[in-house]
């Protein structure tokens, strides 16, 4: 059984929060049919994925 190092848990929580916020903004942008909200949501998801891929302790 492995224990998670505290900063790793914090980073994982931040990535999940950023991804959830991105998905929420995308959904609101799709409902309101505004391209700029869709763009912000997509960029938030891209950043969350990049952080997850790059930050591998």
PDB file of N, CA and C in Angstrom:
ATOM      1  N   UNK A   1       0.837  -1.166   0.000  1.00  0.00           N
ATOM      2  CA  UNK A   1       0.000   0.000   0.000  1.00  0.00           C
ATOM      3  C   UNK A   1       0.890   1.239   0.000  1.00  0.00           C
ATOM      4  N   UNK A   2       0.627   2.150  -0.931  1.00  0.00           N
ATOM      5  CA  UNK A   2       1.436   3.353  -1.008  1.00  0.00           C
ATOM      6  C   UNK A   2       0.684   4.526  -0.397  1.00  0.00           C
ATOM      7  N   UNK A   3       1.448   5.444   0.127  1.00  0.00           N
ATOM      8  CA  UNK A   3       0.834   6.654   0.672  1.00  0.00           C
ATOM      9  C   UNK A   3       1.089   7.798  -0.302  1.00  0.00           C
ATOM     10  N   UNK A   4       0.106   8.640  -0.452  1.00  0.00           N
ATOM     11  CA  UNK A   4       0.258   9.792  -1.335  1.00  0.00           C
ATOM     12  C   UNK A   4       0.986  10.899  -0.599  1.00  0.00           C
ATOM     13  N   UNK A   5       1.875  11.522  -1.307  1.00  0.00           N
ATOM     14  CA  UNK A   5       2.595  12.657  -0.769  1.00  0.00           C
ATOM     15  C   UNK A   5       1.662  13.851  -0.824  1.00  0.00           C
ATOM     16  N   UNK A   6       1.624  14.677   0.205  1.00  0.00           N
ATOM     17  CA  UNK A   6       0.637  15.751   0.323  1.00  0.00           C
ATOM     18  C   UNK A   6       0.602  16.688  -0.883  1.00  0.00           C
ATOM     19  N   UNK A   7       1.745  17.207  -1.392  1.00  0.00           N
ATOM     20  CA  UNK A   7       1.667  18.101  -2.557  1.00  0.00           C
ATOM     21  C   UNK A   7       1.078  17.413  -3.789  1.00  0.00           C
ATOM     22  N   UNK A   8       1.265  16.115  -3.929  1.00  0.00           N
ATOM     23  CA  UNK A   8       0.677  15.399  -5.062  1.00  0.00           C
ATOM     24  C   UNK A   8      -0.837  15.397  -4.969  1.00  0.00           C
ATOM     25  N   UNK A   9      -1.355  15.199  -3.776  1.00  0.00           N
ATOM     26  CA  UNK A   9      -2.811  15.228  -3.596  1.00  0.00           C
ATOM     27  C   UNK A   9      -3.359  16.612  -3.888  1.00  0.00           C
ATOM     28  N   UNK A  10      -2.641  17.633  -3.468  1.00  0.00           N
ATOM     29  CA  UNK A  10      -3.070  19.004  -3.722  1.00  0.00           C
ATOM     30  C   UNK A  10      -3.079  19.333  -5.208  1.00  0.00           C
ATOM     31  N   UNK A  11      -2.055  18.888  -5.920  1.00  0.00           N
ATOM     32  CA  UNK A  11      -1.994  19.133  -7.353  1.00  0.00           C
ATOM     33  C   UNK A  11      -3.102  18.375  -8.073  1.00  0.00           C
ATOM     34  N   UNK A  12      -3.334  17.146  -7.656  1.00  0.00           N
ATOM     35  CA  UNK A  12      -4.400  16.353  -8.271  1.00  0.00           C
ATOM     36  C   UNK A  12      -5.763  17.010  -8.039  1.00  0.00           C
ATOM     37  N   UNK A  13      -5.961  17.559  -6.849  1.00  0.00           N
ATOM     38  CA  UNK A  13      -7.208  18.257  -6.534  1.00  0.00           C
ATOM     39  C   UNK A  13      -7.359  19.516  -7.387  1.00  0.00           C
ATOM     40  N   UNK A  14      -6.261  20.236  -7.599  1.00  0.00           N
ATOM     41  CA  UNK A  14      -6.300  21.437  -8.436  1.00  0.00           C
ATOM     42  C   UNK A  14      -6.629  21.102  -9.886  1.00  0.00           C
ATOM     43  N   UNK A  15      -6.048  20.030 -10.398  1.00  0.00           N
ATOM     44  CA  UNK A  15      -6.322  19.620 -11.776  1.00  0.00           C
ATOM     45  C   UNK A  15      -7.781  19.220 -11.925  1.00  0.00           C
ATOM     46  N   UNK A  16      -8.303  18.487 -10.967  1.00  0.00           N
ATOM     47  CA  UNK A  16      -9.715  18.096 -11.031  1.00  0.00           C
ATOM     48  C   UNK A  16     -10.639  19.300 -10.936  1.00  0.00           C
ATOM     49  N   UNK A  17     -10.304  20.254 -10.074  1.00  0.00           N
ATOM     50  CA  UNK A  17     -11.122  21.462  -9.942  1.00  0.00           C
ATOM     51  C   UNK A  17     -11.089  22.283 -11.228  1.00  0.00           C
ATOM     52  N   UNK A  18      -9.914  22.407 -11.838  1.00  0.00           N
ATOM     53  CA  UNK A  18      -9.799  23.147 -13.090  1.00  0.00           C
ATOM     54  C   UNK A  18     -10.567  22.455 -14.209  1.00  0.00           C
ATOM     55  N   UNK A  19     -10.498  21.129 -14.241  1.00  0.00           N
ATOM     56  CA  UNK A  19     -11.254  20.379 -15.246  1.00  0.00           C
ATOM     57  C   UNK A  19     -12.754  20.502 -15.051  1.00  0.00           C
ATOM     58  N   UNK A  20     -13.201  20.428 -13.804  1.00  0.00           N
ATOM     59  CA  UNK A  20     -14.634  20.566 -13.522  1.00  0.00           C
ATOM     60  C   UNK A  20     -15.122  21.979 -13.850  1.00  0.00           C
ATOM     61  N   UNK A  21     -14.311  22.976 -13.538  1.00  0.00           N
ATOM     62  CA  UNK A  21     -14.681  24.355 -13.870  1.00  0.00           C
ATOM     63  C   UNK A  21     -14.746  24.540 -15.380  1.00  0.00           C
ATOM     64  N   UNK A  22     -13.791  23.942 -16.094  1.00  0.00           N
ATOM     65  CA  UNK A  22     -13.807  24.027 -17.552  1.00  0.00           C
ATOM     66  C   UNK A  22     -15.044  23.391 -18.150  1.00  0.00           C
ATOM     67  N   UNK A  23     -15.412  22.224 -17.649  1.00  0.00           N
ATOM     68  CA  UNK A  23     -16.618  21.562 -18.152  1.00  0.00           C
ATOM     69  C   UNK A  23     -17.875  22.364 -17.849  1.00  0.00           C
ATOM     70  N   UNK A  24     -17.915  22.984 -16.671  1.00  0.00           N
ATOM     71  CA  UNK A  24     -19.060  23.810 -16.310  1.00  0.00           C
ATOM     72  C   UNK A  24     -19.169  25.023 -17.228  1.00  0.00           C
ATOM     73  N   UNK A  25     -18.045  25.673 -17.493  1.00  0.00           N
ATOM     74  CA  UNK A  25     -18.052  26.842 -18.370  1.00  0.00           C
ATOM     75  C   UNK A  25     -18.440  26.442 -19.789  1.00  0.00           C
ATOM     76  N   UNK A  26     -17.994  25.282 -20.242  1.00  0.00           N
ATOM     77  CA  UNK A  26     -18.377  24.797 -21.573  1.00  0.00           C
ATOM     78  C   UNK A  26     -19.882  24.562 -21.634  1.00  0.00           C
ATOM     79  N   UNK A  27     -20.440  23.948 -20.607  1.00  0.00           N
ATOM     80  CA  UNK A  27     -21.879  23.681 -20.599  1.00  0.00           C
ATOM     81  C   UNK A  27     -22.681  24.982 -20.599  1.00  0.00           C
ATOM     82  N   UNK A  28     -22.257  25.952 -19.793  1.00  0.00           N
ATOM     83  CA  UNK A  28     -22.962  27.238 -19.752  1.00  0.00           C
ATOM     84  C   UNK A  28     -22.819  27.952 -21.093  1.00  0.00           C
ATOM     85  N   UNK A  29     -21.625  27.899 -21.677  1.00  0.00           N
ATOM     86  CA  UNK A  29     -21.418  28.523 -22.978  1.00  0.00           C
ATOM     87  C   UNK A  29     -22.259  27.877 -24.070  1.00  0.00           C
ATOM     88  N   UNK A  30     -22.436  26.570 -23.999  1.00  0.00           N
ATOM     89  CA  UNK A  30     -23.276  25.886 -24.981  1.00  0.00           C
ATOM     90  C   UNK A  30     -24.743  26.252 -24.787  1.00  0.00           C
ATOM     91  N   UNK A  31     -25.173  26.367 -23.544  1.00  0.00           N
ATOM     92  CA  UNK A  31     -26.568  26.745 -23.285  1.00  0.00           C
ATOM     93  C   UNK A  31     -26.865  28.182 -23.715  1.00  0.00           C
ATOM     94  N   UNK A  32     -25.920  29.068 -23.459  1.00  0.00           N
ATOM     95  CA  UNK A  32     -26.121  30.475 -23.810  1.00  0.00           C
ATOM     96  C   UNK A  32     -25.681  30.789 -25.238  1.00  0.00           C
ATOM     97  N   UNK A  33     -25.075  29.814 -25.901  1.00  0.00           N
ATOM     98  CA  UNK A  33     -24.579  29.947 -27.279  1.00  0.00           C
ATOM     99  C   UNK A  33     -23.593  31.101 -27.412  1.00  0.00           C
ATOM    100  N   UNK A  34     -22.652  31.171 -26.493  1.00  0.00           N
ATOM    101  CA  UNK A  34     -21.609  32.191 -26.555  1.00  0.00           C
ATOM    102  C   UNK A  34     -20.268  31.507 -26.810  1.00  0.00           C
ATOM    103  N   UNK A  35     -19.612  31.939 -27.848  1.00  0.00           N
ATOM    104  CA  UNK A  35     -18.349  31.335 -28.251  1.00  0.00           C
ATOM    105  C   UNK A  35     -17.221  31.623 -27.267  1.00  0.00           C
ATOM    106  N   UNK A  36     -17.229  32.800 -26.662  1.00  0.00           N
ATOM    107  CA  UNK A  36     -16.121  33.127 -25.777  1.00  0.00           C
ATOM    108  C   UNK A  36     -16.149  32.272 -24.521  1.00  0.00           C
ATOM    109  N   UNK A  37     -17.340  31.899 -24.026  1.00  0.00           N
ATOM    110  CA  UNK A  37     -17.390  30.993 -22.872  1.00  0.00           C
ATOM    111  C   UNK A  37     -16.927  29.600 -23.258  1.00  0.00           C
ATOM    112  N   UNK A  38     -17.298  29.164 -24.441  1.00  0.00           N
ATOM    113  CA  UNK A  38     -16.821  27.865 -24.910  1.00  0.00           C
ATOM    114  C   UNK A  38     -15.299  27.856 -25.016  1.00  0.00           C
ATOM    115  N   UNK A  39     -14.757  28.944 -25.540  1.00  0.00           N
ATOM    116  CA  UNK A  39     -13.304  29.043 -25.679  1.00  0.00           C
ATOM    117  C   UNK A  39     -12.587  29.010 -24.343  1.00  0.00           C
ATOM    118  N   UNK A  40     -13.106  29.740 -23.380  1.00  0.00           N
ATOM    119  CA  UNK A  40     -12.494  29.749 -22.041  1.00  0.00           C
ATOM    120  C   UNK A  40     -12.563  28.354 -21.421  1.00  0.00           C
ATOM    121  N   UNK A  41     -13.701  27.684 -21.562  1.00  0.00           N
ATOM    122  CA  UNK A  41     -13.844  26.336 -21.011  1.00  0.00           C
ATOM    123  C   UNK A  41     -12.905  25.337 -21.651  1.00  0.00           C
ATOM    124  N   UNK A  42     -12.768  25.435 -22.973  1.00  0.00           N
ATOM    125  CA  UNK A  42     -11.860  24.517 -23.675  1.00  0.00           C
ATOM    126  C   UNK A  42     -10.423  24.763 -23.247  1.00  0.00           C
ATOM    127  N   UNK A  43     -10.031  26.036 -23.139  1.00  0.00           N
ATOM    128  CA  UNK A  43      -8.668  26.319 -22.701  1.00  0.00           C
ATOM    129  C   UNK A  43      -8.423  25.861 -21.264  1.00  0.00           C
ATOM    130  N   UNK A  44      -9.424  25.959 -20.411  1.00  0.00           N
ATOM    131  CA  UNK A  44      -9.269  25.464 -19.038  1.00  0.00           C
ATOM    132  C   UNK A  44      -9.052  23.952 -19.037  1.00  0.00           C
ATOM    133  N   UNK A  45      -9.789  23.228 -19.894  1.00  0.00           N
ATOM    134  CA  UNK A  45      -9.576  21.775 -19.989  1.00  0.00           C
ATOM    135  C   UNK A  45      -8.203  21.451 -20.548  1.00  0.00           C
ATOM    136  N   UNK A  46      -7.762  22.188 -21.555  1.00  0.00           N
ATOM    137  CA  UNK A  46      -6.434  21.953 -22.126  1.00  0.00           C
ATOM    138  C   UNK A  46      -5.357  22.174 -21.071  1.00  0.00           C
ATOM    139  N   UNK A  47      -5.481  23.242 -20.302  1.00  0.00           N
ATOM    140  CA  UNK A  47      -4.500  23.519 -19.252  1.00  0.00           C
ATOM    141  C   UNK A  47      -4.515  22.429 -18.192  1.00  0.00           C
ATOM    142  N   UNK A  48      -5.704  21.953 -17.809  1.00  0.00           N
ATOM    143  CA  UNK A  48      -5.793  20.884 -16.812  1.00  0.00           C
ATOM    144  C   UNK A  48      -5.120  19.614 -17.326  1.00  0.00           C
ATOM    145  N   UNK A  49      -5.329  19.285 -18.589  1.00  0.00           N
ATOM    146  CA  UNK A  49      -4.712  18.088 -19.162  1.00  0.00           C
ATOM    147  C   UNK A  49      -3.199  18.248 -19.237  1.00  0.00           C
ATOM    148  N   UNK A  50      -2.737  19.420 -19.652  1.00  0.00           N
ATOM    149  CA  UNK A  50      -1.295  19.643 -19.730  1.00  0.00           C
ATOM    150  C   UNK A  50      -0.642  19.582 -18.354  1.00  0.00           C
ATOM    151  N   UNK A  51      -1.263  20.177 -17.355  1.00  0.00           N
ATOM    152  CA  UNK A  51      -0.714  20.113 -15.997  1.00  0.00           C
ATOM    153  C   UNK A  51      -0.645  18.660 -15.537  1.00  0.00           C
ATOM    154  N   UNK A  52      -1.691  17.891 -15.837  1.00  0.00           N
ATOM    155  CA  UNK A  52      -1.714  16.492 -15.431  1.00  0.00           C
ATOM    156  C   UNK A  52      -0.621  15.691 -16.145  1.00  0.00           C
ATOM    157  N   UNK A  53      -0.388  15.984 -17.417  1.00  0.00           N
ATOM    158  CA  UNK A  53       0.632  15.258 -18.161  1.00  0.00           C
ATOM    159  C   UNK A  53       2.048  15.672 -17.762  1.00  0.00           C
ATOM    160  N   UNK A  54       2.246  16.969 -17.505  1.00  0.00           N
ATOM    161  CA  UNK A  54       3.589  17.469 -17.204  1.00  0.00           C
ATOM    162  C   UNK A  54       3.968  17.197 -15.759  1.00  0.00           C
ATOM    163  N   UNK A  55       3.035  17.388 -14.830  1.00  0.00           N
ATOM    164  CA  UNK A  55       3.355  17.245 -13.421  1.00  0.00           C
ATOM    165  C   UNK A  55       3.214  15.790 -13.013  1.00  0.00           C
ATOM    166  N   UNK A  56       4.255  15.048 -13.237  1.00  0.00           N
ATOM    167  CA  UNK A  56       4.318  13.650 -12.793  1.00  0.00           C
ATOM    168  C   UNK A  56       5.517  13.513 -11.850  1.00  0.00           C
ATOM    169  N   UNK A  57       5.268  13.522 -10.555  1.00  0.00           N
ATOM    170  CA  UNK A  57       6.403  13.467  -9.617  1.00  0.00           C
ATOM    171  C   UNK A  57       7.123  12.127  -9.668  1.00  0.00           C
TER     172      UNK A  57
END
